[in-house]
């Protein structure tokens, strides 16, 4: 069952007007992710990658996109893919000001429930040093299956003319 969260909160599939809120949430929530942690990837590039990732998922790449709303505003999202019989949590985030209220657990267990009967397994990737994410997934019954190394290449010629970070 989905954990109890504040009574004013609701979880639902994303609506057409949620893109800007989800992109903004991703830019404030992901500052220690694998892109921002890579000293060779400038922050502006990491922000662009994350914003494009969210937009792509919301505009058809994802199979299902969930949001949690608190007081009517997007407090978190979970963007999921379906690859054959495997569901994938592609990108999940909870607003920094809304953390520790059960929204992340709610988004994960909601996706597990959604894919029950549609997928045989569910996969997610996170950094080995991301203790909060590891605790979230382990608490939801996930177990580590493998570790992998990721390398990045960013086209420096694509930098904004003014050097500013942006999406």
C-alpha atoms as a PDB file:
ATOM      1  CA  UNK A   1       0.000   0.000   0.000  1.00  0.00           C
ATOM      2  CA  UNK A   2       1.015   3.596  -0.579  1.00  0.00           C
ATOM      3  CA  UNK A   3       2.273   5.246   2.636  1.00  0.00           C
ATOM      4  CA  UNK A   4       0.178   7.948   4.212  1.00  0.00           C
ATOM      5  CA  UNK A   5       1.322  11.453   3.378  1.00  0.00           C
ATOM      6  CA  UNK A   6      -0.169  14.799   4.343  1.00  0.00           C
ATOM      7  CA  UNK A   7      -3.903  14.805   3.698  1.00  0.00           C
ATOM      8  CA  UNK A   8      -3.694  17.798   1.370  1.00  0.00           C
ATOM      9  CA  UNK A   9      -1.287  15.920  -0.934  1.00  0.00           C
ATOM     10  CA  UNK A  10      -2.319  13.914  -3.962  1.00  0.00           C
ATOM     11  CA  UNK A  11      -0.497  11.736  -6.466  1.00  0.00           C
ATOM     12  CA  UNK A  12      -1.621  11.571 -10.076  1.00  0.00           C
ATOM     13  CA  UNK A  13      -0.373  11.327 -13.618  1.00  0.00           C
ATOM     14  CA  UNK A  14       1.139  14.562 -14.889  1.00  0.00           C
ATOM     15  CA  UNK A  15      -1.050  17.147 -16.568  1.00  0.00           C
ATOM     16  CA  UNK A  16      -0.145  19.193 -19.676  1.00  0.00           C
ATOM     17  CA  UNK A  17       0.803  22.253 -17.594  1.00  0.00           C
ATOM     18  CA  UNK A  18       3.270  20.406 -15.325  1.00  0.00           C
ATOM     19  CA  UNK A  19       6.361  20.614 -17.541  1.00  0.00           C
ATOM     20  CA  UNK A  20       7.717  23.950 -16.265  1.00  0.00           C
ATOM     21  CA  UNK A  21       7.235  22.948 -12.625  1.00  0.00           C
ATOM     22  CA  UNK A  22       8.922  19.568 -13.160  1.00  0.00           C
ATOM     23  CA  UNK A  23      11.875  21.132 -14.992  1.00  0.00           C
ATOM     24  CA  UNK A  24      12.279  23.758 -12.254  1.00  0.00           C
ATOM     25  CA  UNK A  25      12.065  21.084  -9.569  1.00  0.00           C
ATOM     26  CA  UNK A  26      14.719  19.002 -11.342  1.00  0.00           C
ATOM     27  CA  UNK A  27      17.095  21.971 -11.509  1.00  0.00           C
ATOM     28  CA  UNK A  28      16.884  22.585  -7.757  1.00  0.00           C
ATOM     29  CA  UNK A  29      16.767  18.915  -6.728  1.00  0.00           C
ATOM     30  CA  UNK A  30      19.700  17.613  -8.768  1.00  0.00           C
ATOM     31  CA  UNK A  31      22.838  19.419  -7.696  1.00  0.00           C
ATOM     32  CA  UNK A  32      24.844  16.401  -6.533  1.00  0.00           C
ATOM     33  CA  UNK A  33      23.847  14.052  -9.368  1.00  0.00           C
ATOM     34  CA  UNK A  34      26.351  12.285 -11.613  1.00  0.00           C
ATOM     35  CA  UNK A  35      26.507  15.215 -14.029  1.00  0.00           C
ATOM     36  CA  UNK A  36      27.056  17.933 -11.415  1.00  0.00           C
ATOM     37  CA  UNK A  37      29.533  15.698  -9.563  1.00  0.00           C
ATOM     38  CA  UNK A  38      31.686  15.239 -12.666  1.00  0.00           C
ATOM     39  CA  UNK A  39      34.418  17.931 -12.566  1.00  0.00           C
ATOM     40  CA  UNK A  40      34.606  17.822 -16.380  1.00  0.00           C
ATOM     41  CA  UNK A  41      30.918  18.687 -16.832  1.00  0.00           C
ATOM     42  CA  UNK A  42      30.134  22.387 -16.341  1.00  0.00           C
ATOM     43  CA  UNK A  43      27.034  23.169 -14.266  1.00  0.00           C
ATOM     44  CA  UNK A  44      25.316  24.800 -17.256  1.00  0.00           C
ATOM     45  CA  UNK A  45      25.704  21.578 -19.226  1.00  0.00           C
ATOM     46  CA  UNK A  46      24.492  19.409 -16.331  1.00  0.00           C
ATOM     47  CA  UNK A  47      21.431  21.655 -15.998  1.00  0.00           C
ATOM     48  CA  UNK A  48      20.697  21.455 -19.727  1.00  0.00           C
ATOM     49  CA  UNK A  49      20.968  17.663 -19.729  1.00  0.00           C
ATOM     50  CA  UNK A  50      18.630  17.334 -16.738  1.00  0.00           C
ATOM     51  CA  UNK A  51      16.060  19.792 -18.142  1.00  0.00           C
ATOM     52  CA  UNK A  52      16.074  18.038 -21.534  1.00  0.00           C
ATOM     53  CA  UNK A  53      15.733  14.656 -19.792  1.00  0.00           C
ATOM     54  CA  UNK A  54      12.609  15.825 -17.956  1.00  0.00           C
ATOM     55  CA  UNK A  55      11.096  17.435 -21.063  1.00  0.00           C
ATOM     56  CA  UNK A  56      11.751  14.345 -23.188  1.00  0.00           C
ATOM     57  CA  UNK A  57      10.122  12.054 -20.637  1.00  0.00           C
ATOM     58  CA  UNK A  58       7.104  14.329 -20.228  1.00  0.00           C
ATOM     59  CA  UNK A  59       6.682  14.665 -23.991  1.00  0.00           C
ATOM     60  CA  UNK A  60       6.414  11.003 -24.847  1.00  0.00           C
ATOM     61  CA  UNK A  61       9.607   9.151 -23.951  1.00  0.00           C
ATOM     62  CA  UNK A  62       8.208   7.989 -20.610  1.00  0.00           C
ATOM     63  CA  UNK A  63       5.486   5.392 -20.304  1.00  0.00           C
ATOM     64  CA  UNK A  64       4.023   7.021 -17.187  1.00  0.00           C
ATOM     65  CA  UNK A  65       4.784  10.298 -15.407  1.00  0.00           C
ATOM     66  CA  UNK A  66       3.562  10.754 -11.841  1.00  0.00           C
ATOM     67  CA  UNK A  67       3.460  13.895  -9.733  1.00  0.00           C
ATOM     68  CA  UNK A  68       2.771  14.519  -6.099  1.00  0.00           C
ATOM     69  CA  UNK A  69       0.996  17.793  -5.430  1.00  0.00           C
ATOM     70  CA  UNK A  70       1.036  19.514  -2.082  1.00  0.00           C
ATOM     71  CA  UNK A  71      -1.224  22.525  -1.727  1.00  0.00           C
ATOM     72  CA  UNK A  72      -1.811  22.328  -5.486  1.00  0.00           C
ATOM     73  CA  UNK A  73       1.883  22.659  -6.421  1.00  0.00           C
ATOM     74  CA  UNK A  74       4.157  19.947  -7.812  1.00  0.00           C
ATOM     75  CA  UNK A  75       6.162  18.643  -4.848  1.00  0.00           C
ATOM     76  CA  UNK A  76       7.732  15.691  -6.630  1.00  0.00           C
ATOM     77  CA  UNK A  77       7.709  13.590  -9.762  1.00  0.00           C
ATOM     78  CA  UNK A  78       8.528  10.074 -10.929  1.00  0.00           C
ATOM     79  CA  UNK A  79       9.109   9.544 -14.653  1.00  0.00           C
ATOM     80  CA  UNK A  80       8.944   5.861 -15.641  1.00  0.00           C
ATOM     81  CA  UNK A  81       9.786   3.856 -18.732  1.00  0.00           C
ATOM     82  CA  UNK A  82       8.578   0.438 -19.797  1.00  0.00           C
ATOM     83  CA  UNK A  83      11.015  -1.782 -21.698  1.00  0.00           C
ATOM     84  CA  UNK A  84       9.350  -5.076 -22.506  1.00  0.00           C
ATOM     85  CA  UNK A  85       8.573  -6.666 -19.142  1.00  0.00           C
ATOM     86  CA  UNK A  86      10.755  -4.278 -17.165  1.00  0.00           C
ATOM     87  CA  UNK A  87       9.594  -0.984 -15.682  1.00  0.00           C
ATOM     88  CA  UNK A  88      12.286   1.611 -15.075  1.00  0.00           C
ATOM     89  CA  UNK A  89      12.276   4.557 -12.723  1.00  0.00           C
ATOM     90  CA  UNK A  90      13.996   6.911 -15.130  1.00  0.00           C
ATOM     91  CA  UNK A  91      14.068  10.072 -13.034  1.00  0.00           C
ATOM     92  CA  UNK A  92      12.555  10.869  -9.664  1.00  0.00           C
ATOM     93  CA  UNK A  93      12.775  14.006  -7.551  1.00  0.00           C
ATOM     94  CA  UNK A  94      11.153  15.600  -4.537  1.00  0.00           C
ATOM     95  CA  UNK A  95      11.290  19.337  -3.892  1.00  0.00           C
ATOM     96  CA  UNK A  96      13.940  20.113  -1.287  1.00  0.00           C
ATOM     97  CA  UNK A  97      11.376  21.886   0.918  1.00  0.00           C
ATOM     98  CA  UNK A  98       9.058  18.852   0.796  1.00  0.00           C
ATOM     99  CA  UNK A  99      11.528  16.089   1.676  1.00  0.00           C
ATOM    100  CA  UNK A 100      11.176  13.769   4.674  1.00  0.00           C
ATOM    101  CA  UNK A 101       7.389  13.689   4.339  1.00  0.00           C
ATOM    102  CA  UNK A 102       7.053  10.359   2.545  1.00  0.00           C
ATOM    103  CA  UNK A 103       6.601  11.750  -0.972  1.00  0.00           C
ATOM    104  CA  UNK A 104       9.567   9.811  -2.423  1.00  0.00           C
ATOM    105  CA  UNK A 105       8.320   6.539  -0.939  1.00  0.00           C
ATOM    106  CA  UNK A 106       4.828   7.325  -2.168  1.00  0.00           C
ATOM    107  CA  UNK A 107       6.109   7.956  -5.704  1.00  0.00           C
ATOM    108  CA  UNK A 108       8.116   4.701  -5.734  1.00  0.00           C
ATOM    109  CA  UNK A 109       5.379   2.500  -4.288  1.00  0.00           C
ATOM    110  CA  UNK A 110       2.817   4.174  -6.534  1.00  0.00           C
ATOM    111  CA  UNK A 111       4.911   3.226  -9.571  1.00  0.00           C
ATOM    112  CA  UNK A 112       5.348  -0.328  -8.275  1.00  0.00           C
ATOM    113  CA  UNK A 113       1.563  -0.589  -7.878  1.00  0.00           C
ATOM    114  CA  UNK A 114       0.971   0.952 -11.318  1.00  0.00           C
ATOM    115  CA  UNK A 115       3.260  -1.592 -13.008  1.00  0.00           C
ATOM    116  CA  UNK A 116       2.033  -4.588 -11.026  1.00  0.00           C
ATOM    117  CA  UNK A 117       0.694  -6.995 -13.636  1.00  0.00           C
ATOM    118  CA  UNK A 118       2.312  -5.021 -16.476  1.00  0.00           C
ATOM    119  CA  UNK A 119       5.992  -5.621 -15.662  1.00  0.00           C
ATOM    120  CA  UNK A 120       7.918  -8.517 -14.159  1.00  0.00           C
ATOM    121  CA  UNK A 121      10.658  -6.351 -12.668  1.00  0.00           C
ATOM    122  CA  UNK A 122      11.424  -2.722 -11.930  1.00  0.00           C
ATOM    123  CA  UNK A 123      14.862  -1.159 -12.239  1.00  0.00           C
ATOM    124  CA  UNK A 124      16.343   2.097 -11.055  1.00  0.00           C
ATOM    125  CA  UNK A 125      19.823   3.551 -11.171  1.00  0.00           C
ATOM    126  CA  UNK A 126      21.432   5.845  -8.632  1.00  0.00           C
ATOM    127  CA  UNK A 127      24.906   6.791  -7.502  1.00  0.00           C
ATOM    128  CA  UNK A 128      26.627   4.452  -5.041  1.00  0.00           C
ATOM    129  CA  UNK A 129      27.243   7.402  -2.693  1.00  0.00           C
ATOM    130  CA  UNK A 130      23.640   8.666  -2.756  1.00  0.00           C
ATOM    131  CA  UNK A 131      22.628   7.364   0.677  1.00  0.00           C
ATOM    132  CA  UNK A 132      19.108   8.893   0.701  1.00  0.00           C
ATOM    133  CA  UNK A 133      18.222   7.321  -2.667  1.00  0.00           C
ATOM    134  CA  UNK A 134      19.691   3.964  -1.686  1.00  0.00           C
ATOM    135  CA  UNK A 135      17.670   4.018   1.550  1.00  0.00           C
ATOM    136  CA  UNK A 136      14.505   4.937  -0.377  1.00  0.00           C
ATOM    137  CA  UNK A 137      14.873   2.075  -2.845  1.00  0.00           C
ATOM    138  CA  UNK A 138      16.015  -0.505  -0.307  1.00  0.00           C
ATOM    139  CA  UNK A 139      13.080   0.478   1.919  1.00  0.00           C
ATOM    140  CA  UNK A 140      10.772  -0.227  -1.018  1.00  0.00           C
ATOM    141  CA  UNK A 141      12.233  -3.719  -1.470  1.00  0.00           C
ATOM    142  CA  UNK A 142      14.798  -3.076  -4.207  1.00  0.00           C
ATOM    143  CA  UNK A 143      18.124  -4.942  -4.078  1.00  0.00           C
ATOM    144  CA  UNK A 144      21.385  -4.112  -5.794  1.00  0.00           C
ATOM    145  CA  UNK A 145      21.820  -6.115  -8.983  1.00  0.00           C
ATOM    146  CA  UNK A 146      24.973  -4.530 -10.434  1.00  0.00           C
ATOM    147  CA  UNK A 147      27.236  -1.502 -10.431  1.00  0.00           C
ATOM    148  CA  UNK A 148      28.458   0.293 -13.488  1.00  0.00           C
ATOM    149  CA  UNK A 149      30.665   3.212 -14.339  1.00  0.00           C
ATOM    150  CA  UNK A 150      29.376   6.140 -16.374  1.00  0.00           C
ATOM    151  CA  UNK A 151      31.536   8.525 -18.353  1.00  0.00           C
ATOM    152  CA  UNK A 152      30.436  11.821 -19.890  1.00  0.00           C
ATOM    153  CA  UNK A 153      31.371  13.939 -22.866  1.00  0.00           C
ATOM    154  CA  UNK A 154      30.077  17.492 -23.178  1.00  0.00           C
ATOM    155  CA  UNK A 155      30.520  19.648 -26.272  1.00  0.00           C
ATOM    156  CA  UNK A 156      32.232  22.765 -24.909  1.00  0.00           C
ATOM    157  CA  UNK A 157      31.277  24.608 -28.092  1.00  0.00           C
ATOM    158  CA  UNK A 158      27.625  24.398 -26.986  1.00  0.00           C
ATOM    159  CA  UNK A 159      28.261  26.640 -23.974  1.00  0.00           C
ATOM    160  CA  UNK A 160      25.974  29.634 -23.558  1.00  0.00           C
ATOM    161  CA  UNK A 161      27.590  32.771 -25.000  1.00  0.00           C
ATOM    162  CA  UNK A 162      27.507  34.516 -21.620  1.00  0.00           C
ATOM    163  CA  UNK A 163      28.711  31.407 -19.748  1.00  0.00           C
ATOM    164  CA  UNK A 164      25.530  31.402 -17.647  1.00  0.00           C
ATOM    165  CA  UNK A 165      23.904  28.237 -16.416  1.00  0.00           C
ATOM    166  CA  UNK A 166      20.638  27.562 -18.067  1.00  0.00           C
ATOM    167  CA  UNK A 167      18.184  25.088 -19.383  1.00  0.00           C
END
